[in-house]
Amino acid sequence: MSFQDILLSTQPVISRADAASALKCDPRTISRGIRENKIPHIKLGRRVMILREPFIAIFHPTQGSALNGN
């Protein structure tokens, strides 16, 4: 999944694998960001999902502002 795909998505959450693919990094890097609370996420049982809008705001700040209507 590309970052553009995440921007166009209407899903409220994305997976670690999708986040890693969009940022072109190893999924373990995303896991470390989650562990260190640098990437906003929610836990559903054992499953960890990344909140899409805060993720966009962190890694693509100009687009994050547009999502919030600013």
Protein backbone atom coordinates (compact mmCIF):
# COMPACT_ATOMS: atom_id res chain seq x y z
CA MET A 1 0.00 0.00 0.00
CA SER A 2 1.38 3.41 -0.93
CA PHE A 3 1.02 6.58 1.10
CA GLN A 4 -1.35 7.83 -1.61
CA ASP A 5 -3.56 4.77 -1.00
CA ILE A 6 -3.68 5.64 2.70
CA LEU A 7 -4.59 9.24 1.88
CA LEU A 8 -7.45 8.10 -0.35
CA SER A 9 -8.70 5.40 2.02
CA THR A 10 -11.88 5.87 4.03
CA GLN A 11 -10.95 3.19 6.59
CA PRO A 12 -10.36 4.59 10.11
CA VAL A 13 -7.36 2.30 10.77
CA ILE A 14 -4.45 0.78 8.88
CA SER A 15 -2.29 -2.24 9.61
CA ARG A 16 1.37 -2.24 10.59
CA ALA A 17 2.22 -3.83 7.24
CA ASP A 18 0.38 -1.10 5.32
CA ALA A 19 2.07 1.63 7.37
CA ALA A 20 5.49 0.07 6.76
CA SER A 21 4.80 -0.23 3.05
CA ALA A 22 3.64 3.40 2.82
CA LEU A 23 6.73 4.67 4.65
CA LYS A 24 9.05 2.23 2.86
CA CYS A 25 10.44 0.85 6.11
CA ASP A 26 10.58 -2.46 7.92
CA PRO A 27 7.42 -3.44 9.85
CA ARG A 28 9.62 -3.76 12.97
CA THR A 29 10.26 -0.02 12.75
CA ILE A 30 6.50 0.56 12.88
CA SER A 31 6.23 -1.87 15.81
CA ARG A 32 8.92 0.07 17.68
CA GLY A 33 7.07 3.36 17.04
CA ILE A 34 3.91 1.78 18.42
CA ARG A 35 5.74 0.39 21.48
CA GLU A 36 7.24 3.83 22.16
CA ASN A 37 3.81 5.49 21.69
CA LYS A 38 5.10 7.59 18.80
CA ILE A 39 2.48 6.20 16.42
CA PRO A 40 -1.18 6.53 17.53
CA HIS A 41 -2.81 3.11 17.70
CA ILE A 42 -5.53 1.02 19.27
CA LYS A 43 -5.45 -2.57 20.45
CA LEU A 44 -8.25 -4.95 19.60
CA GLY A 45 -7.39 -8.05 21.59
CA ARG A 46 -3.97 -9.03 20.29
CA ARG A 47 -4.40 -7.04 17.11
CA VAL A 48 -2.84 -3.57 16.90
CA MET A 49 -4.28 -1.09 14.42
CA ILE A 50 -2.88 2.34 13.56
CA LEU A 51 -5.28 5.29 13.51
CA ARG A 52 -5.22 6.57 9.92
CA GLU A 53 -5.86 10.30 10.39
CA PRO A 54 -3.27 10.84 13.17
CA PHE A 55 -0.81 8.72 11.13
CA ILE A 56 -1.32 11.01 8.13
CA ALA A 57 -1.00 14.11 10.33
CA ILE A 58 2.35 12.87 11.67
CA PHE A 59 3.92 11.65 8.44
CA HIS A 60 2.31 14.04 5.93
CA PRO A 61 1.53 17.22 7.94
CA THR A 62 0.09 19.33 5.09
CA GLN A 63 -2.37 16.60 4.15
CA GLY A 64 -3.27 16.04 7.82
CA SER A 65 -4.39 19.66 8.07
CA ALA A 66 -6.65 19.23 5.05
CA LEU A 67 -8.33 16.22 6.68
CA ASN A 68 -9.23 18.31 9.70
CA GLY A 69 -10.70 21.07 7.57
CA ASN A 70 -7.89 23.53 8.37
